[in-house]
Structures are given as structure tokens and as C-alpha cells.
Amino acid sequence: MEDENDKLDILSKCTGFEWDEHNSNKIWIKHHVSPSECEQTFFNIPLIFFDDIDHSVLEKRYYALGRTDEIKYLFIAFTLRNKKIRVISVRDMNRKERKEYEFHKENTKI
């Protein structure tokens, strides 16, 4: 099992993002989140992410809790392919996720 440093190391080796045009359009229509807003989230502190064990059947998946530059709080499901972050789904955080994010934000020393 990976610890937080291993996970951050994985992200630090990523060279960019990979978007499926159909998926990014669907995310915009359903959740009003643009690809650029999603990408911003990976560069803002704190970014909290977890293994998505329930959805890691064909490939390892993760989900992240973070915020955009405009302080929009997002839940992002993603995988890593060829050193790129491939976003699967994005939406606003729900109340429970926001509480988890705020807990980490208050208890993270950066």
C-alpha cells in the first residue's frame, strides 16, 4: 500500500493531462467544470488523493479532493496513463468530502 509521499511522487512524475473530448464535454454539460479548472486543482494546496479501490478493476484509479484558483471545491476521479493524468470524472465536492478536505487543510503543515 502506498503512503502519501509515494502518491505525491507518482504525481510529480506526470508530464501533463490527457483528456477524452467526449468525456470533457460531458463533464462540462453535467457539472459545469472545465478541463482547465480541473487541471488547476492538481497545482493547488492541499490536494488530497486516495486509491479508488472500488473502481480499480481494469486499471488503478484514484480520486482527489482539491480546489481551483477561484476556490471551487472539486472531487476528481482519475487514472495515470503513460505519465499523464487522465481525468475520468469531476464534480463539486459533497458535504462529507468538503468536511474531509477542510480537516486535511487544517491539519497539513506545508
N, C-alpha and C. Protein backbone atom coordinates (compact mmCIF):
# COMPACT_ATOMS: atom_id res chain seq x y z
N MET A 1 0.84 -1.18 0.00
CA MET A 1 0.00 0.00 0.00
C MET A 1 0.88 1.25 0.00
N GLU A 2 0.51 2.25 -0.81
CA GLU A 2 1.29 3.46 -0.94
C GLU A 2 1.00 4.42 0.21
N ASP A 3 2.03 5.15 0.67
CA ASP A 3 1.79 6.20 1.63
C ASP A 3 1.68 7.53 0.87
N GLU A 4 1.43 8.61 1.59
CA GLU A 4 1.23 9.91 0.95
C GLU A 4 2.44 10.34 0.12
N ASN A 5 3.66 10.11 0.61
CA ASN A 5 4.84 10.51 -0.14
C ASN A 5 4.95 9.74 -1.46
N ASP A 6 4.61 8.45 -1.45
CA ASP A 6 4.63 7.67 -2.68
C ASP A 6 3.63 8.23 -3.69
N LYS A 7 2.46 8.59 -3.20
CA LYS A 7 1.44 9.14 -4.10
C LYS A 7 1.89 10.46 -4.70
N LEU A 8 2.45 11.34 -3.87
CA LEU A 8 2.92 12.62 -4.39
C LEU A 8 4.06 12.43 -5.38
N ASP A 9 4.90 11.42 -5.13
CA ASP A 9 5.98 11.11 -6.05
C ASP A 9 5.43 10.67 -7.41
N ILE A 10 4.37 9.89 -7.38
CA ILE A 10 3.72 9.46 -8.63
C ILE A 10 3.25 10.67 -9.43
N LEU A 11 2.58 11.60 -8.76
CA LEU A 11 2.08 12.79 -9.46
C LEU A 11 3.22 13.67 -9.96
N SER A 12 4.30 13.76 -9.19
CA SER A 12 5.41 14.62 -9.60
C SER A 12 6.07 14.13 -10.89
N LYS A 13 5.90 12.86 -11.22
CA LYS A 13 6.47 12.29 -12.44
C LYS A 13 5.55 12.45 -13.65
N CYS A 14 4.36 12.95 -13.43
CA CYS A 14 3.42 13.14 -14.54
C CYS A 14 3.87 14.31 -15.41
N THR A 15 3.64 14.17 -16.70
CA THR A 15 4.09 15.18 -17.65
C THR A 15 2.95 16.03 -18.21
N GLY A 16 1.73 15.78 -17.76
CA GLY A 16 0.60 16.56 -18.26
C GLY A 16 -0.70 15.82 -18.06
N PHE A 17 -1.68 16.25 -18.84
CA PHE A 17 -3.02 15.70 -18.74
C PHE A 17 -3.43 15.11 -20.09
N GLU A 18 -4.29 14.12 -20.02
CA GLU A 18 -4.86 13.50 -21.22
C GLU A 18 -6.37 13.58 -21.08
N TRP A 19 -7.02 14.20 -22.05
CA TRP A 19 -8.47 14.37 -21.99
C TRP A 19 -9.14 13.65 -23.14
N ASP A 20 -10.21 12.97 -22.84
CA ASP A 20 -11.10 12.41 -23.85
C ASP A 20 -12.11 13.50 -24.15
N GLU A 21 -12.18 13.94 -25.41
CA GLU A 21 -13.04 15.07 -25.76
C GLU A 21 -14.51 14.83 -25.37
N HIS A 22 -15.01 13.64 -25.62
CA HIS A 22 -16.39 13.32 -25.26
C HIS A 22 -16.59 13.45 -23.74
N ASN A 23 -15.63 12.93 -22.98
CA ASN A 23 -15.73 12.95 -21.53
C ASN A 23 -15.65 14.38 -21.00
N SER A 24 -14.75 15.20 -21.53
CA SER A 24 -14.63 16.58 -21.05
C SER A 24 -15.90 17.38 -21.37
N ASN A 25 -16.51 17.13 -22.52
CA ASN A 25 -17.78 17.79 -22.85
C ASN A 25 -18.89 17.36 -21.90
N LYS A 26 -18.92 16.06 -21.59
CA LYS A 26 -19.94 15.53 -20.68
C LYS A 26 -19.78 16.15 -19.28
N ILE A 27 -18.53 16.27 -18.82
CA ILE A 27 -18.28 16.87 -17.51
C ILE A 27 -18.75 18.32 -17.49
N TRP A 28 -18.50 19.05 -18.58
CA TRP A 28 -18.93 20.46 -18.63
C TRP A 28 -20.46 20.56 -18.61
N ILE A 29 -21.12 19.75 -19.43
CA ILE A 29 -22.58 19.80 -19.51
C ILE A 29 -23.23 19.39 -18.19
N LYS A 30 -22.74 18.33 -17.58
CA LYS A 30 -23.37 17.81 -16.36
C LYS A 30 -22.96 18.57 -15.09
N HIS A 31 -21.68 18.98 -14.99
CA HIS A 31 -21.19 19.55 -13.73
C HIS A 31 -20.63 20.97 -13.84
N HIS A 32 -20.58 21.52 -15.05
CA HIS A 32 -20.06 22.87 -15.29
C HIS A 32 -18.65 23.06 -14.76
N VAL A 33 -17.81 22.06 -15.05
CA VAL A 33 -16.39 22.13 -14.70
C VAL A 33 -15.60 22.00 -15.99
N SER A 34 -14.73 22.96 -16.25
CA SER A 34 -13.92 22.93 -17.46
C SER A 34 -12.64 22.13 -17.22
N PRO A 35 -12.00 21.66 -18.29
CA PRO A 35 -10.73 20.96 -18.12
C PRO A 35 -9.68 21.83 -17.41
N SER A 36 -9.63 23.12 -17.71
CA SER A 36 -8.62 23.96 -17.07
C SER A 36 -8.88 24.10 -15.57
N GLU A 37 -10.15 24.17 -15.16
CA GLU A 37 -10.45 24.21 -13.72
C GLU A 37 -9.98 22.93 -13.05
N CYS A 38 -10.23 21.82 -13.70
CA CYS A 38 -9.82 20.53 -13.15
C CYS A 38 -8.30 20.47 -13.01
N GLU A 39 -7.59 20.88 -14.04
CA GLU A 39 -6.13 20.84 -14.02
C GLU A 39 -5.56 21.74 -12.93
N GLN A 40 -6.16 22.91 -12.72
CA GLN A 40 -5.71 23.82 -11.66
C GLN A 40 -5.68 23.13 -10.31
N THR A 41 -6.65 22.29 -10.09
CA THR A 41 -6.80 21.61 -8.79
C THR A 41 -5.55 20.83 -8.43
N PHE A 42 -4.87 20.25 -9.41
CA PHE A 42 -3.69 19.45 -9.14
C PHE A 42 -2.48 20.29 -8.72
N PHE A 43 -2.57 21.61 -8.88
CA PHE A 43 -1.46 22.50 -8.54
C PHE A 43 -1.73 23.35 -7.29
N ASN A 44 -2.90 23.19 -6.70
CA ASN A 44 -3.25 23.96 -5.50
C ASN A 44 -3.15 23.09 -4.26
N ILE A 45 -2.74 23.71 -3.18
CA ILE A 45 -2.53 23.01 -1.91
C ILE A 45 -3.69 23.33 -0.98
N PRO A 46 -4.19 22.35 -0.25
CA PRO A 46 -3.78 20.95 -0.34
C PRO A 46 -4.54 20.22 -1.45
N LEU A 47 -3.91 19.21 -1.97
CA LEU A 47 -4.54 18.25 -2.87
C LEU A 47 -4.49 16.94 -2.11
N ILE A 48 -5.63 16.37 -1.85
CA ILE A 48 -5.71 15.13 -1.10
C ILE A 48 -6.19 14.07 -2.06
N PHE A 49 -5.45 12.97 -2.15
CA PHE A 49 -5.97 11.92 -3.02
C PHE A 49 -5.77 10.54 -2.43
N PHE A 50 -6.64 9.66 -2.89
CA PHE A 50 -6.78 8.33 -2.32
C PHE A 50 -6.84 7.30 -3.44
N ASP A 51 -6.49 6.06 -3.11
CA ASP A 51 -6.72 4.95 -4.03
C ASP A 51 -8.23 4.73 -4.13
N ASP A 52 -8.72 4.54 -5.34
CA ASP A 52 -10.14 4.24 -5.55
C ASP A 52 -10.26 2.73 -5.77
N ILE A 53 -10.22 2.02 -4.68
CA ILE A 53 -10.20 0.55 -4.72
C ILE A 53 -11.46 -0.01 -5.39
N ASP A 54 -12.60 0.59 -5.14
CA ASP A 54 -13.86 0.08 -5.68
C ASP A 54 -13.91 0.14 -7.21
N HIS A 55 -13.19 1.08 -7.82
CA HIS A 55 -13.25 1.25 -9.27
C HIS A 55 -11.95 0.88 -9.97
N SER A 56 -11.03 0.24 -9.27
CA SER A 56 -9.74 -0.14 -9.86
C SER A 56 -9.78 -1.58 -10.37
N VAL A 57 -10.67 -1.85 -11.29
CA VAL A 57 -10.81 -3.20 -11.81
C VAL A 57 -9.84 -3.44 -12.96
N LEU A 58 -9.93 -2.63 -14.01
CA LEU A 58 -9.08 -2.81 -15.18
C LEU A 58 -7.78 -2.02 -15.08
N GLU A 59 -7.79 -0.94 -14.32
CA GLU A 59 -6.59 -0.12 -14.12
C GLU A 59 -6.70 0.56 -12.76
N LYS A 60 -5.56 0.96 -12.21
CA LYS A 60 -5.55 1.61 -10.91
C LYS A 60 -6.16 3.00 -11.05
N ARG A 61 -7.11 3.28 -10.18
CA ARG A 61 -7.77 4.59 -10.19
C ARG A 61 -7.59 5.28 -8.85
N TYR A 62 -7.71 6.59 -8.90
CA TYR A 62 -7.58 7.43 -7.72
C TYR A 62 -8.73 8.43 -7.71
N TYR A 63 -8.96 9.01 -6.54
CA TYR A 63 -9.82 10.19 -6.50
C TYR A 63 -9.15 11.24 -5.65
N ALA A 64 -9.39 12.49 -6.02
CA ALA A 64 -8.73 13.61 -5.36
C ALA A 64 -9.77 14.62 -4.89
N LEU A 65 -9.42 15.31 -3.83
CA LEU A 65 -10.19 16.43 -3.32
C LEU A 65 -9.27 17.65 -3.39
N GLY A 66 -9.74 18.70 -4.04
CA GLY A 66 -8.92 19.89 -4.17
C GLY A 66 -9.75 21.09 -4.57
N ARG A 67 -9.04 22.21 -4.84
CA ARG A 67 -9.75 23.43 -5.19
C ARG A 67 -9.11 24.10 -6.40
N THR A 68 -9.93 24.86 -7.11
CA THR A 68 -9.45 25.61 -8.26
C THR A 68 -8.86 26.94 -7.78
N ASP A 69 -8.32 27.70 -8.72
CA ASP A 69 -7.80 29.03 -8.38
C ASP A 69 -8.91 29.95 -7.88
N GLU A 70 -10.13 29.71 -8.34
CA GLU A 70 -11.28 30.53 -7.94
C GLU A 70 -12.00 29.95 -6.72
N ILE A 71 -11.36 29.05 -6.03
CA ILE A 71 -11.87 28.40 -4.80
C ILE A 71 -13.16 27.62 -5.06
N LYS A 72 -13.17 26.86 -6.11
CA LYS A 72 -14.25 25.92 -6.40
C LYS A 72 -13.74 24.56 -5.92
N TYR A 73 -14.46 23.91 -5.02
CA TYR A 73 -14.01 22.66 -4.42
C TYR A 73 -14.49 21.47 -5.26
N LEU A 74 -13.52 20.66 -5.72
CA LEU A 74 -13.84 19.59 -6.67
C LEU A 74 -13.43 18.21 -6.17
N PHE A 75 -14.21 17.23 -6.58
CA PHE A 75 -13.92 15.81 -6.45
C PHE A 75 -13.53 15.35 -7.86
N ILE A 76 -12.36 14.71 -7.98
CA ILE A 76 -11.87 14.29 -9.29
C ILE A 76 -11.50 12.81 -9.25
N ALA A 77 -12.08 12.03 -10.13
CA ALA A 77 -11.69 10.63 -10.31
C ALA A 77 -10.74 10.60 -11.50
N PHE A 78 -9.60 9.90 -11.34
CA PHE A 78 -8.62 9.89 -12.42
C PHE A 78 -7.78 8.62 -12.38
N THR A 79 -7.05 8.42 -13.46
CA THR A 79 -6.08 7.34 -13.55
C THR A 79 -4.82 7.93 -14.15
N LEU A 80 -3.75 7.16 -14.16
CA LEU A 80 -2.49 7.59 -14.75
C LEU A 80 -2.18 6.69 -15.93
N ARG A 81 -1.94 7.32 -17.09
CA ARG A 81 -1.60 6.56 -18.30
C ARG A 81 -0.42 7.24 -18.98
N ASN A 82 0.62 6.47 -19.20
CA ASN A 82 1.80 6.99 -19.91
C ASN A 82 2.29 8.32 -19.32
N LYS A 83 2.40 8.36 -18.00
CA LYS A 83 2.87 9.54 -17.27
C LYS A 83 1.96 10.76 -17.43
N LYS A 84 0.70 10.53 -17.75
CA LYS A 84 -0.28 11.62 -17.85
C LYS A 84 -1.46 11.33 -16.93
N ILE A 85 -2.04 12.40 -16.41
CA ILE A 85 -3.24 12.30 -15.59
C ILE A 85 -4.42 12.27 -16.55
N ARG A 86 -5.19 11.21 -16.50
CA ARG A 86 -6.38 11.08 -17.34
C ARG A 86 -7.60 11.18 -16.44
N VAL A 87 -8.32 12.27 -16.59
CA VAL A 87 -9.48 12.54 -15.75
C VAL A 87 -10.66 11.70 -16.25
N ILE A 88 -11.30 11.04 -15.30
CA ILE A 88 -12.45 10.20 -15.61
C ILE A 88 -13.74 10.95 -15.32
N SER A 89 -13.76 11.63 -14.17
CA SER A 89 -14.96 12.35 -13.75
C SER A 89 -14.58 13.49 -12.82
N VAL A 90 -15.36 14.56 -12.87
CA VAL A 90 -15.16 15.71 -12.00
C VAL A 90 -16.53 16.25 -11.60
N ARG A 91 -16.64 16.66 -10.34
CA ARG A 91 -17.87 17.29 -9.87
C ARG A 91 -17.54 18.10 -8.63
N ASP A 92 -18.49 18.91 -8.18
CA ASP A 92 -18.32 19.63 -6.92
C ASP A 92 -18.28 18.61 -5.78
N MET A 93 -17.50 18.93 -4.76
CA MET A 93 -17.47 18.06 -3.58
C MET A 93 -18.83 18.06 -2.91
N ASN A 94 -19.19 16.93 -2.31
CA ASN A 94 -20.39 16.90 -1.49
C ASN A 94 -20.00 17.33 -0.07
N ARG A 95 -20.97 17.41 0.81
CA ARG A 95 -20.74 17.90 2.17
C ARG A 95 -19.70 17.07 2.93
N LYS A 96 -19.78 15.76 2.82
CA LYS A 96 -18.85 14.87 3.52
C LYS A 96 -17.42 15.06 2.98
N GLU A 97 -17.28 15.15 1.67
CA GLU A 97 -15.97 15.35 1.06
C GLU A 97 -15.38 16.71 1.44
N ARG A 98 -16.22 17.72 1.48
CA ARG A 98 -15.77 19.06 1.87
C ARG A 98 -15.26 19.05 3.30
N LYS A 99 -15.95 18.34 4.18
CA LYS A 99 -15.53 18.22 5.58
C LYS A 99 -14.17 17.53 5.66
N GLU A 100 -13.98 16.46 4.90
CA GLU A 100 -12.71 15.74 4.85
C GLU A 100 -11.59 16.66 4.35
N TYR A 101 -11.89 17.43 3.30
CA TYR A 101 -10.91 18.35 2.73
C TYR A 101 -10.51 19.41 3.76
N GLU A 102 -11.48 19.98 4.42
CA GLU A 102 -11.21 21.02 5.42
C GLU A 102 -10.40 20.46 6.58
N PHE A 103 -10.67 19.22 6.98
CA PHE A 103 -9.90 18.58 8.04
C PHE A 103 -8.43 18.50 7.64
N HIS A 104 -8.17 18.01 6.42
CA HIS A 104 -6.79 17.89 5.94
C HIS A 104 -6.14 19.26 5.79
N LYS A 105 -6.91 20.22 5.33
CA LYS A 105 -6.38 21.57 5.14
C LYS A 105 -5.90 22.16 6.47
N GLU A 106 -6.68 21.96 7.51
CA GLU A 106 -6.33 22.49 8.83
C GLU A 106 -5.19 21.72 9.49
N ASN A 107 -5.04 20.45 9.14
CA ASN A 107 -4.04 19.60 9.81
C ASN A 107 -2.82 19.29 8.96
N THR A 108 -2.65 19.99 7.84
CA THR A 108 -1.49 19.79 6.98
C THR A 108 -0.54 20.96 7.16
N LYS A 109 0.68 20.67 7.43
CA LYS A 109 1.70 21.71 7.59
C LYS A 109 2.54 21.76 6.32
N ILE A 110 2.35 22.82 5.54
CA ILE A 110 3.12 22.98 4.30
C ILE A 110 3.78 24.34 4.30
